[in-house]
């Protein structure tokens, strides 16, 4: 059966749009906007795509993971699909380096590792260095500004065994690397009659070596694509959450275990401990409740409401763009409500109900503002009227959740796959992404550095209020040092 809701919007921060995904010129204030103020989502097709209007199609860094203290040069490669005649790397101290044009749509820059990592603080930066910006020009006019961030492998990222499974596939305890150039071609972004789509080809290749043991797959890529993180549903067998029953798992090589795929088009925005991981997995269950009158037909996030006080955030009635809601709503008792500052690091009670982690009677009353266009800010006063939404309102429209709270799944297996175009990753690069995949399993808050954001985040187990867990080890295949690339190993065809 075809998937009626194939692509889910990604959850990204406003700073991602302003500093890394901007489609026009911007000032430094916009680029440095505080990441907690907003999330931005774009409804994308299920397959990797070039973002319309973005001057940069692909961004690659070689090596993909930098090691402090090394003398090897770093090469940055920018590929464009627009009229671009100049690319500059602008460091935070204001100094600039100009890329060398290699062709009409390709620009490269070589620099020392010490230059790329100038100002990097291991105690603060959590293995990512925000070096400055990529500025893109045509005819002297700045078309866009992107944040320039580097992956950094400090000494505290341990080496891991890496097994070569085939000439195009290797694996470590928490990561699979598949080399598949067609994933990156413009025509490969869409299915062609008689040929599998890029995602189905990659995932089927994954299942050539790994079992059908995973609920979710995360797809990273190198070179990075200027696109948003987003969720794609593969299968739904849950009733009562507003989503049609469907199963496309066989197309991807799964016998019914695979539920969804999360795309991470930019490698520097991948961290299993970050709230985005929980948000994207959360799109497995929400928000598909457009037939509930009190919710005003809004989705795939919540409307402006107390429901937005959680992981999934809110979006307006006219856009799928998702925004954070860093407030609590205080009832003033006179038909008005005051917003006070707050951070929400866990799924709220309604979100937990839709996930099957609490019964409906555990969900309190939520207020939804009828006027969704009011200004939101710390101390802002919002005007009623409001709708009251309860779990019973969802049950009246969609029926009881099935499986029920007593039978719902609480442990999930996730595999991370990084798709590369030009080569397999080095052992140290594998170790870096293996480390960030393993962080999804953490049971304590962890520091996170994504883009221009330095925060402490709650990994999935804590985000679910310790009601669910994820596991990221590869099932039945944990390579040992004796099998690793560090020793000779004959590849299978």
Protein backbone atom coordinates (compact mmCIF):
# COMPACT_ATOMS: atom_id res chain seq x y z
CA UNK A 1 0.00 0.00 0.00
CA UNK A 2 1.31 3.43 -0.82
CA UNK A 3 2.23 5.81 1.96
CA UNK A 4 -0.41 8.57 2.28
CA UNK A 5 1.88 10.87 4.20
CA UNK A 6 5.27 10.05 2.79
CA UNK A 7 7.40 12.97 3.89
CA UNK A 8 7.36 14.49 7.34
CA UNK A 9 8.70 17.97 7.97
CA UNK A 10 12.05 18.14 9.61
CA UNK A 11 12.72 19.91 12.84
CA UNK A 12 15.49 22.46 12.52
CA UNK A 13 16.39 25.61 14.40
CA UNK A 14 15.87 29.13 13.10
CA UNK A 15 19.60 29.69 13.22
CA UNK A 16 19.92 26.84 10.72
CA UNK A 17 17.84 28.81 8.26
CA UNK A 18 19.62 32.08 8.89
CA UNK A 19 23.19 30.88 9.16
CA UNK A 20 23.30 27.71 7.10
CA UNK A 21 20.27 27.52 4.85
CA UNK A 22 19.63 31.13 3.99
CA UNK A 23 18.40 31.90 0.52
CA UNK A 24 19.36 35.57 0.56
CA UNK A 25 21.71 38.03 2.19
CA UNK A 26 21.67 38.44 5.93
CA UNK A 27 23.34 40.44 8.62
CA UNK A 28 25.31 38.98 11.50
CA UNK A 29 22.47 39.52 13.94
CA UNK A 30 20.22 37.22 11.94
CA UNK A 31 22.94 34.63 11.55
CA UNK A 32 23.63 34.57 15.27
CA UNK A 33 19.97 34.43 16.38
CA UNK A 34 19.49 32.35 19.50
CA UNK A 35 18.64 28.79 18.44
CA UNK A 36 16.08 28.26 21.18
CA UNK A 37 13.78 30.88 19.70
CA UNK A 38 12.47 28.91 16.78
CA UNK A 39 12.42 25.75 14.76
CA UNK A 40 11.95 25.80 11.02
CA UNK A 41 10.61 22.93 9.00
CA UNK A 42 10.17 22.49 5.28
CA UNK A 43 7.96 19.80 3.84
CA UNK A 44 10.32 17.91 1.57
CA UNK A 45 9.84 15.03 -0.84
CA UNK A 46 10.81 11.65 0.50
CA UNK A 47 14.00 11.44 -1.54
CA UNK A 48 17.06 13.68 -1.19
CA UNK A 49 16.56 16.83 -3.23
CA UNK A 50 18.30 20.03 -4.15
CA UNK A 51 16.61 22.93 -2.40
CA UNK A 52 15.09 25.29 -4.94
CA UNK A 53 16.83 28.65 -4.85
CA UNK A 54 19.81 27.58 -2.73
CA UNK A 55 23.01 28.50 -4.57
CA UNK A 56 24.94 25.61 -2.97
CA UNK A 57 23.91 22.09 -3.93
CA UNK A 58 26.62 20.13 -2.11
CA UNK A 59 29.25 20.93 0.46
CA UNK A 60 32.09 18.52 1.17
CA UNK A 61 35.01 18.70 3.57
CA UNK A 62 38.02 16.39 3.26
CA UNK A 63 38.78 14.94 5.69
CA UNK A 64 35.20 14.92 6.90
CA UNK A 65 36.41 14.87 10.50
CA UNK A 66 39.30 17.10 11.53
CA UNK A 67 41.87 16.10 14.13
CA UNK A 68 43.51 18.86 16.16
CA UNK A 69 47.29 18.89 15.91
CA UNK A 70 47.52 17.31 12.47
CA UNK A 71 49.35 19.02 9.63
CA UNK A 72 47.31 17.60 6.76
CA UNK A 73 45.45 20.22 4.70
CA UNK A 74 41.67 20.52 4.70
CA UNK A 75 39.86 20.86 1.39
CA UNK A 76 36.41 22.42 1.21
CA UNK A 77 34.49 21.80 -1.99
CA UNK A 78 31.37 23.75 -2.92
CA UNK A 79 29.13 22.60 -5.77
CA UNK A 80 26.46 24.96 -7.07
CA UNK A 81 23.47 24.80 -9.38
CA UNK A 82 23.03 28.54 -9.76
CA UNK A 83 24.86 31.53 -11.21
CA UNK A 84 27.74 31.86 -8.74
CA UNK A 85 31.09 33.47 -9.53
CA UNK A 86 32.68 33.70 -6.09
CA UNK A 87 32.67 31.86 -2.77
CA UNK A 88 34.40 33.15 0.36
CA UNK A 89 35.09 31.62 3.75
CA UNK A 90 34.65 34.40 6.32
CA UNK A 91 36.08 33.62 9.75
CA UNK A 92 34.57 34.97 12.94
CA UNK A 93 37.51 37.38 13.32
CA UNK A 94 36.58 38.97 9.99
CA UNK A 95 39.42 37.53 7.90
CA UNK A 96 38.50 35.92 4.58
CA UNK A 97 39.74 33.24 2.18
CA UNK A 98 38.55 33.10 -1.43
CA UNK A 99 37.72 29.78 -3.10
CA UNK A 100 39.33 28.80 -6.39
CA UNK A 101 36.86 28.11 -9.22
CA UNK A 102 37.46 24.66 -10.71
CA UNK A 103 34.58 24.80 -13.16
CA UNK A 104 31.41 26.78 -13.69
CA UNK A 105 29.74 25.13 -10.70
CA UNK A 106 32.62 23.92 -8.53
CA UNK A 107 34.79 25.90 -6.12
CA UNK A 108 37.52 24.60 -3.81
CA UNK A 109 39.57 25.93 -0.93
CA UNK A 110 42.58 24.32 0.75
CA UNK A 111 43.64 25.45 4.22
CA UNK A 112 45.62 24.16 7.16
CA UNK A 113 43.85 22.21 9.88
CA UNK A 114 45.14 24.74 12.41
CA UNK A 115 43.51 27.54 10.43
CA UNK A 116 40.20 25.70 10.12
CA UNK A 117 40.14 24.99 13.85
CA UNK A 118 41.39 28.37 15.08
CA UNK A 119 39.52 29.18 18.28
CA UNK A 120 38.22 25.65 18.81
CA UNK A 121 37.58 24.95 22.51
CA UNK A 122 37.44 21.20 23.32
CA UNK A 123 35.88 21.83 26.72
CA UNK A 124 32.99 23.78 25.22
CA UNK A 125 32.45 22.88 21.59
CA UNK A 126 31.40 19.19 21.84
CA UNK A 127 33.37 17.98 18.80
CA UNK A 128 32.04 20.64 16.45
CA UNK A 129 33.76 23.90 15.52
CA UNK A 130 31.82 26.88 14.22
CA UNK A 131 34.49 28.62 12.17
CA UNK A 132 32.48 31.31 10.42
CA UNK A 133 30.47 31.61 7.22
CA UNK A 134 30.41 30.69 3.56
CA UNK A 135 29.39 33.73 1.52
CA UNK A 136 28.21 33.11 -2.04
CA UNK A 137 28.33 35.89 -4.66
CA UNK A 138 27.33 36.59 -8.22
CA UNK A 139 28.46 39.81 -9.88
CA UNK A 140 29.48 41.26 -6.53
CA UNK A 141 26.05 40.64 -5.01
CA UNK A 142 25.93 38.33 -2.01
CA UNK A 143 23.35 35.66 -2.73
CA UNK A 144 23.52 33.75 0.53
CA UNK A 145 25.39 33.20 3.76
CA UNK A 146 25.83 29.73 5.24
CA UNK A 147 27.34 28.72 8.55
CA UNK A 148 30.65 26.87 8.22
CA UNK A 149 30.98 24.15 10.84
CA UNK A 150 33.56 21.37 11.12
CA UNK A 151 33.38 17.93 12.70
CA UNK A 152 36.25 17.49 15.18
CA UNK A 153 37.59 14.20 16.57
CA UNK A 154 39.29 14.97 19.87
CA UNK A 155 41.27 12.36 21.75
CA UNK A 156 38.25 11.46 23.89
CA UNK A 157 36.43 9.98 20.88
CA UNK A 158 37.58 6.35 21.02
CA UNK A 159 38.62 4.35 18.00
CA UNK A 160 36.22 1.57 17.06
CA UNK A 161 36.63 -1.63 15.06
CA UNK A 162 35.57 -1.20 11.45
CA UNK A 163 34.77 -4.24 9.31
CA UNK A 164 34.82 -4.14 5.53
CA UNK A 165 31.76 -6.07 4.38
CA UNK A 166 32.10 -5.38 0.65
CA UNK A 167 33.92 -2.97 -1.61
CA UNK A 168 31.14 -0.47 -1.02
CA UNK A 169 30.06 -1.28 2.55
CA UNK A 170 31.75 -1.10 5.94
CA UNK A 171 30.43 -1.12 9.48
CA UNK A 172 31.35 -0.31 13.07
CA UNK A 173 29.36 -1.15 16.22
CA UNK A 174 26.82 1.70 15.72
CA UNK A 175 27.28 2.74 12.08
CA UNK A 176 27.10 1.46 8.51
CA UNK A 177 28.85 3.30 5.66
CA UNK A 178 27.61 2.65 2.12
CA UNK A 179 29.25 4.18 -0.93
CA UNK A 180 26.57 4.87 -3.54
CA UNK A 181 27.22 7.68 -6.01
CA UNK A 182 23.71 7.59 -7.53
CA UNK A 183 22.32 8.89 -4.23
CA UNK A 184 23.84 12.26 -5.15
CA UNK A 185 22.92 12.69 -8.82
CA UNK A 186 20.11 15.12 -9.74
CA UNK A 187 18.21 12.42 -11.63
CA UNK A 188 18.73 10.01 -8.78
CA UNK A 189 16.53 12.12 -6.53
CA UNK A 190 13.38 10.64 -8.05
CA UNK A 191 12.26 7.13 -8.84
CA UNK A 192 12.71 6.05 -12.46
CA UNK A 193 10.70 3.23 -14.05
CA UNK A 194 12.62 -0.01 -13.77
CA UNK A 195 15.17 1.42 -11.36
CA UNK A 196 15.02 1.75 -7.57
CA UNK A 197 15.04 5.17 -5.97
CA UNK A 198 18.25 6.22 -4.19
CA UNK A 199 16.82 5.57 -0.74
CA UNK A 200 15.39 2.16 -1.57
CA UNK A 201 18.67 1.15 -3.20
CA UNK A 202 20.71 2.22 -0.17
CA UNK A 203 18.37 0.60 2.35
CA UNK A 204 18.17 -2.65 0.39
CA UNK A 205 21.98 -2.68 0.31
CA UNK A 206 21.94 -2.24 4.10
CA UNK A 207 19.71 -5.31 4.41
CA UNK A 208 22.16 -7.31 2.29
CA UNK A 209 24.35 -7.44 5.40
CA UNK A 210 22.13 -6.58 8.38
CA UNK A 211 18.96 -8.24 9.57
CA UNK A 212 15.43 -6.88 9.70
CA UNK A 213 15.95 -5.76 13.28
CA UNK A 214 15.45 -2.00 13.09
CA UNK A 215 12.44 0.21 13.70
CA UNK A 216 14.09 3.32 12.28
CA UNK A 217 16.99 4.08 9.97
CA UNK A 218 18.90 7.37 10.00
CA UNK A 219 20.43 8.40 6.67
CA UNK A 220 23.43 10.74 6.76
CA UNK A 221 25.41 11.73 3.70
CA UNK A 222 28.74 13.06 2.45
CA UNK A 223 28.89 15.39 0.64
CA UNK A 224 26.28 17.28 2.59
CA UNK A 225 23.16 18.51 0.84
CA UNK A 226 21.61 21.88 1.61
CA UNK A 227 18.35 20.41 2.84
CA UNK A 228 16.49 19.94 6.11
CA UNK A 229 16.38 17.02 8.48
CA UNK A 230 13.07 15.25 8.01
CA UNK A 231 11.15 12.05 8.67
CA UNK A 232 9.67 9.69 6.10
CA UNK A 233 7.04 7.18 7.20
CA UNK A 234 7.49 3.64 5.89
CA UNK A 235 4.82 1.79 7.83
CA UNK A 236 1.94 2.50 10.21
CA UNK A 237 -0.04 -0.14 12.06
CA UNK A 238 -1.29 2.08 14.88
CA UNK A 239 -4.94 3.09 15.06
CA UNK A 240 -6.28 6.12 16.89
CA UNK A 241 -3.53 8.63 16.04
CA UNK A 242 -5.08 10.05 12.87
CA UNK A 243 -2.74 8.27 10.46
CA UNK A 244 -3.89 5.83 7.78
CA UNK A 245 -2.72 2.23 8.03
CA UNK A 246 -0.08 1.51 5.37
CA UNK A 247 3.01 -0.63 4.83
CA UNK A 248 5.71 0.11 2.26
CA UNK A 249 8.44 -1.74 4.16
CA UNK A 250 8.84 -4.44 1.51
CA UNK A 251 9.99 -1.82 -1.00
CA UNK A 252 12.97 -1.15 1.26
CA UNK A 253 13.91 -4.77 1.95
CA UNK A 254 12.19 -5.04 5.33
CA UNK A 255 9.69 -7.75 6.18
CA UNK A 256 7.56 -5.37 8.23
CA UNK A 257 9.86 -4.18 11.02
CA UNK A 258 10.96 -0.86 9.50
CA UNK A 259 8.68 2.03 10.56
CA UNK A 260 10.44 5.11 9.24
CA UNK A 261 13.56 6.83 7.95
CA UNK A 262 15.09 10.07 9.23
CA UNK A 263 17.22 12.08 6.81
CA UNK A 264 20.24 14.03 8.05
CA UNK A 265 21.51 15.82 4.91
CA UNK A 266 24.23 17.75 6.81
CA UNK A 267 26.72 15.69 8.77
CA UNK A 268 27.55 18.51 11.18
CA UNK A 269 23.91 18.48 12.32
CA UNK A 270 23.91 14.84 13.40
CA UNK A 271 23.94 13.95 17.09
CA UNK A 272 21.83 11.16 18.58
CA UNK A 273 21.69 13.04 21.89
CA UNK A 274 20.13 16.15 20.37
CA UNK A 275 16.45 16.98 20.76
CA UNK A 276 16.03 16.82 16.98
CA UNK A 277 16.54 13.05 17.13
CA UNK A 278 13.55 12.72 19.47
CA UNK A 279 11.51 15.22 17.43
CA UNK A 280 12.02 13.39 14.15
CA UNK A 281 11.27 10.00 15.70
CA UNK A 282 8.23 11.69 17.24
CA UNK A 283 6.84 12.27 13.74
CA UNK A 284 6.23 8.53 13.69
CA UNK A 285 3.14 9.22 15.81
CA UNK A 286 2.30 12.91 15.35
CA UNK A 287 0.78 15.28 14.59
CA UNK A 288 -1.99 13.90 12.32
CA UNK A 289 -5.09 15.17 14.15
CA UNK A 290 -6.53 17.64 11.64
CA UNK A 291 -10.07 16.31 12.09
CA UNK A 292 -10.15 17.25 15.78
CA UNK A 293 -12.12 20.51 15.78
CA UNK A 294 -10.31 22.05 18.71
CA UNK A 295 -6.96 21.75 16.94
CA UNK A 296 -8.10 24.00 14.08
CA UNK A 297 -6.89 21.66 11.34
CA UNK A 298 -3.25 22.39 12.09
CA UNK A 299 -0.39 19.92 11.61
CA UNK A 300 2.16 18.32 11.42
CA UNK A 301 3.03 20.20 14.62
CA UNK A 302 0.71 21.60 17.29
CA UNK A 303 -1.17 24.90 17.05
CA UNK A 304 -0.26 27.74 19.41
CA UNK A 305 -1.37 26.09 22.61
CA UNK A 306 -0.17 24.36 25.74
CA UNK A 307 0.26 21.30 23.51
CA UNK A 308 3.26 23.10 21.99
CA UNK A 309 4.97 22.85 25.38
CA UNK A 310 6.85 19.71 24.41
CA UNK A 311 9.20 18.23 21.85
CA UNK A 312 7.06 18.68 18.73
CA UNK A 313 6.59 22.48 18.88
CA UNK A 314 3.97 24.34 16.84
CA UNK A 315 3.23 25.62 13.36
CA UNK A 316 0.77 28.13 11.96
CA UNK A 317 -2.41 27.33 10.08
CA UNK A 318 -0.81 28.48 6.81
CA UNK A 319 2.62 26.85 7.04
CA UNK A 320 4.15 23.52 8.03
CA UNK A 321 7.16 25.40 9.39
CA UNK A 322 7.69 24.18 12.92
CA UNK A 323 8.63 26.58 15.71
CA UNK A 324 9.67 26.07 19.30
CA UNK A 325 7.39 27.28 22.08
CA UNK A 326 9.74 28.26 24.94
CA UNK A 327 6.93 29.44 27.21
CA UNK A 328 4.40 28.38 29.77
CA UNK A 329 0.86 29.75 29.50
CA UNK A 330 -0.47 31.46 32.62
CA UNK A 331 -4.24 31.93 32.87
CA UNK A 332 -4.96 35.45 34.12
CA UNK A 333 -8.57 34.59 34.92
CA UNK A 334 -10.04 37.33 32.74
CA UNK A 335 -9.90 35.76 29.30
CA UNK A 336 -6.23 36.64 28.78
CA UNK A 337 -3.09 34.55 29.16
CA UNK A 338 0.51 35.56 29.85
CA UNK A 339 3.51 33.80 28.31
CA UNK A 340 6.39 33.23 30.70
CA UNK A 341 9.79 31.83 29.67
CA UNK A 342 10.41 28.11 29.96
CA UNK A 343 12.33 25.37 28.19
CA UNK A 344 10.67 22.06 27.39
CA UNK A 345 13.00 19.10 27.10
CA UNK A 346 10.46 16.27 27.24
CA UNK A 347 7.41 15.07 25.36
CA UNK A 348 4.24 16.37 27.02
CA UNK A 349 1.38 14.19 28.24
CA UNK A 350 -0.57 14.30 24.95
CA UNK A 351 2.55 13.43 22.97
CA UNK A 352 3.26 10.53 25.31
CA UNK A 353 -0.31 9.32 24.85
CA UNK A 354 0.02 9.32 21.05
CA UNK A 355 3.28 7.39 21.43
CA UNK A 356 1.48 4.83 23.57
CA UNK A 357 3.52 5.59 26.67
CA UNK A 358 0.71 6.81 28.96
CA UNK A 359 -3.02 6.01 29.11
CA UNK A 360 -5.58 8.63 27.99
CA UNK A 361 -6.60 9.39 31.57
CA UNK A 362 -3.05 10.64 32.21
CA UNK A 363 -3.56 13.50 29.74
CA UNK A 364 -4.71 16.80 31.17
CA UNK A 365 -6.73 19.60 29.58
CA UNK A 366 -4.92 21.66 26.95
CA UNK A 367 -5.89 25.11 25.73
CA UNK A 368 -5.66 26.07 22.05
CA UNK A 369 -5.88 29.73 21.08
CA UNK A 370 -8.54 30.38 18.46
CA UNK A 371 -6.56 33.39 17.22
CA UNK A 372 -3.36 31.76 15.99
CA UNK A 373 -1.80 34.97 14.65
CA UNK A 374 -1.02 36.66 17.98
CA UNK A 375 2.51 37.82 18.75
CA UNK A 376 4.48 35.44 20.94
CA UNK A 377 7.20 36.66 23.30
CA UNK A 378 8.29 36.50 26.92
CA UNK A 379 5.65 38.46 28.82
CA UNK A 380 3.27 38.73 25.89
CA UNK A 381 -0.43 38.64 26.78
CA UNK A 382 -2.57 36.48 24.50
CA UNK A 383 -6.28 36.99 24.09
CA UNK A 384 -8.92 34.29 24.24
CA UNK A 385 -11.15 32.62 23.33
CA UNK A 386 -9.53 29.21 23.63
CA UNK A 387 -10.56 25.67 22.80
CA UNK A 388 -10.09 22.94 25.37
CA UNK A 389 -8.59 19.74 23.94
CA UNK A 390 -8.43 16.45 25.82
CA UNK A 391 -7.43 12.92 24.91
CA UNK A 392 -11.14 12.09 24.77
CA UNK A 393 -11.54 14.53 21.87
CA UNK A 394 -9.03 12.52 19.86
CA UNK A 395 -10.68 9.24 20.81
CA UNK A 396 -14.10 10.55 19.71
CA UNK A 397 -12.76 11.22 16.21
CA UNK A 398 -10.23 8.44 15.68
CA UNK A 399 -11.15 5.82 18.25
CA UNK A 400 -9.07 4.26 20.97
CA UNK A 401 -5.36 3.97 20.38
CA UNK A 402 -4.47 0.45 19.30
CA UNK A 403 -2.23 -1.02 20.45
CA UNK A 404 -3.21 0.41 23.80
CA UNK A 405 -0.94 1.82 26.45
CA UNK A 406 -0.63 -1.66 28.00
CA UNK A 407 0.64 -3.21 24.74
CA UNK A 408 2.50 -0.35 23.04
CA UNK A 409 6.12 -0.65 22.01
CA UNK A 410 8.60 0.94 24.43
CA UNK A 411 11.98 -0.12 23.10
CA UNK A 412 13.15 0.83 19.63
CA UNK A 413 16.13 -0.21 17.57
CA UNK A 414 17.75 2.44 15.36
CA UNK A 415 20.56 2.05 12.81
CA UNK A 416 22.60 4.93 11.41
CA UNK A 417 23.79 4.79 7.80
CA UNK A 418 26.13 7.32 6.23
CA UNK A 419 26.00 7.33 2.44
CA UNK A 420 29.17 8.54 0.73
CA UNK A 421 29.71 9.48 -2.90
CA UNK A 422 33.44 9.38 -3.55
CA UNK A 423 34.96 7.00 -1.02
CA UNK A 424 34.38 4.98 2.10
CA UNK A 425 35.12 6.83 5.33
CA UNK A 426 38.44 6.50 7.13
CA UNK A 427 38.53 4.55 10.42
CA UNK A 428 38.73 7.82 12.36
CA UNK A 429 35.74 9.25 10.51
CA UNK A 430 33.81 6.07 11.26
CA UNK A 431 34.71 6.39 14.93
CA UNK A 432 33.38 9.96 15.01
CA UNK A 433 29.91 9.16 13.66
CA UNK A 434 29.76 5.90 15.61
CA UNK A 435 30.27 7.99 18.75
CA UNK A 436 27.43 10.37 17.91
CA UNK A 437 25.13 7.46 17.04
CA UNK A 438 25.82 5.86 20.41
CA UNK A 439 24.84 9.05 22.26
CA UNK A 440 21.17 8.42 21.43
CA UNK A 441 21.21 5.67 24.09
CA UNK A 442 22.35 7.99 26.88
CA UNK A 443 20.33 8.09 30.09
CA UNK A 444 21.59 11.44 31.35
CA UNK A 445 21.54 14.98 29.92
CA UNK A 446 24.40 15.68 27.52
CA UNK A 447 25.97 18.84 26.11
CA UNK A 448 25.19 19.36 22.43
CA UNK A 449 26.67 21.72 19.84
CA UNK A 450 24.70 21.96 16.61
CA UNK A 451 25.18 24.93 14.30
CA UNK A 452 25.31 28.04 16.46
CA UNK A 453 23.60 26.32 19.38
CA UNK A 454 25.39 25.18 22.53
CA UNK A 455 22.86 23.53 24.85
CA UNK A 456 22.26 20.66 27.22
CA UNK A 457 19.76 18.23 25.69
CA UNK A 458 17.77 15.28 26.97
CA UNK A 459 18.39 12.14 24.87
CA UNK A 460 15.39 10.03 23.84
CA UNK A 461 15.03 8.04 27.08
CA UNK A 462 14.88 11.22 29.14
CA UNK A 463 12.77 13.04 26.54
CA UNK A 464 10.13 10.31 26.98
CA UNK A 465 10.28 10.87 30.75
CA UNK A 466 12.09 7.52 31.04
CA UNK A 467 9.15 5.65 29.54
CA UNK A 468 10.89 4.44 26.36
CA UNK A 469 14.40 3.66 25.12
CA UNK A 470 16.35 3.43 21.88
CA UNK A 471 19.26 1.17 21.07
CA UNK A 472 21.73 1.93 18.31
CA UNK A 473 24.06 -1.09 18.26
CA UNK A 474 23.98 -3.16 15.11
CA UNK A 475 22.14 -6.38 15.94
CA UNK A 476 24.04 -9.61 15.37
CA UNK A 477 26.99 -7.77 13.93
CA UNK A 478 29.38 -6.04 16.26
CA UNK A 479 32.80 -6.16 14.59
CA UNK A 480 35.75 -7.03 16.77
CA UNK A 481 39.25 -5.70 16.46
CA UNK A 482 40.28 -9.01 14.89
CA UNK A 483 37.80 -8.38 12.08
CA UNK A 484 38.52 -4.72 11.67
CA UNK A 485 40.06 -2.71 8.88
CA UNK A 486 43.07 -2.20 11.08
CA UNK A 487 43.99 -5.79 10.15
CA UNK A 488 43.71 -7.34 6.68
CA UNK A 489 40.19 -8.50 5.86
CA UNK A 490 39.07 -9.88 2.53
CA UNK A 491 35.92 -8.15 1.34
CA UNK A 492 32.92 -10.07 0.13
CA UNK A 493 31.68 -9.20 -3.36
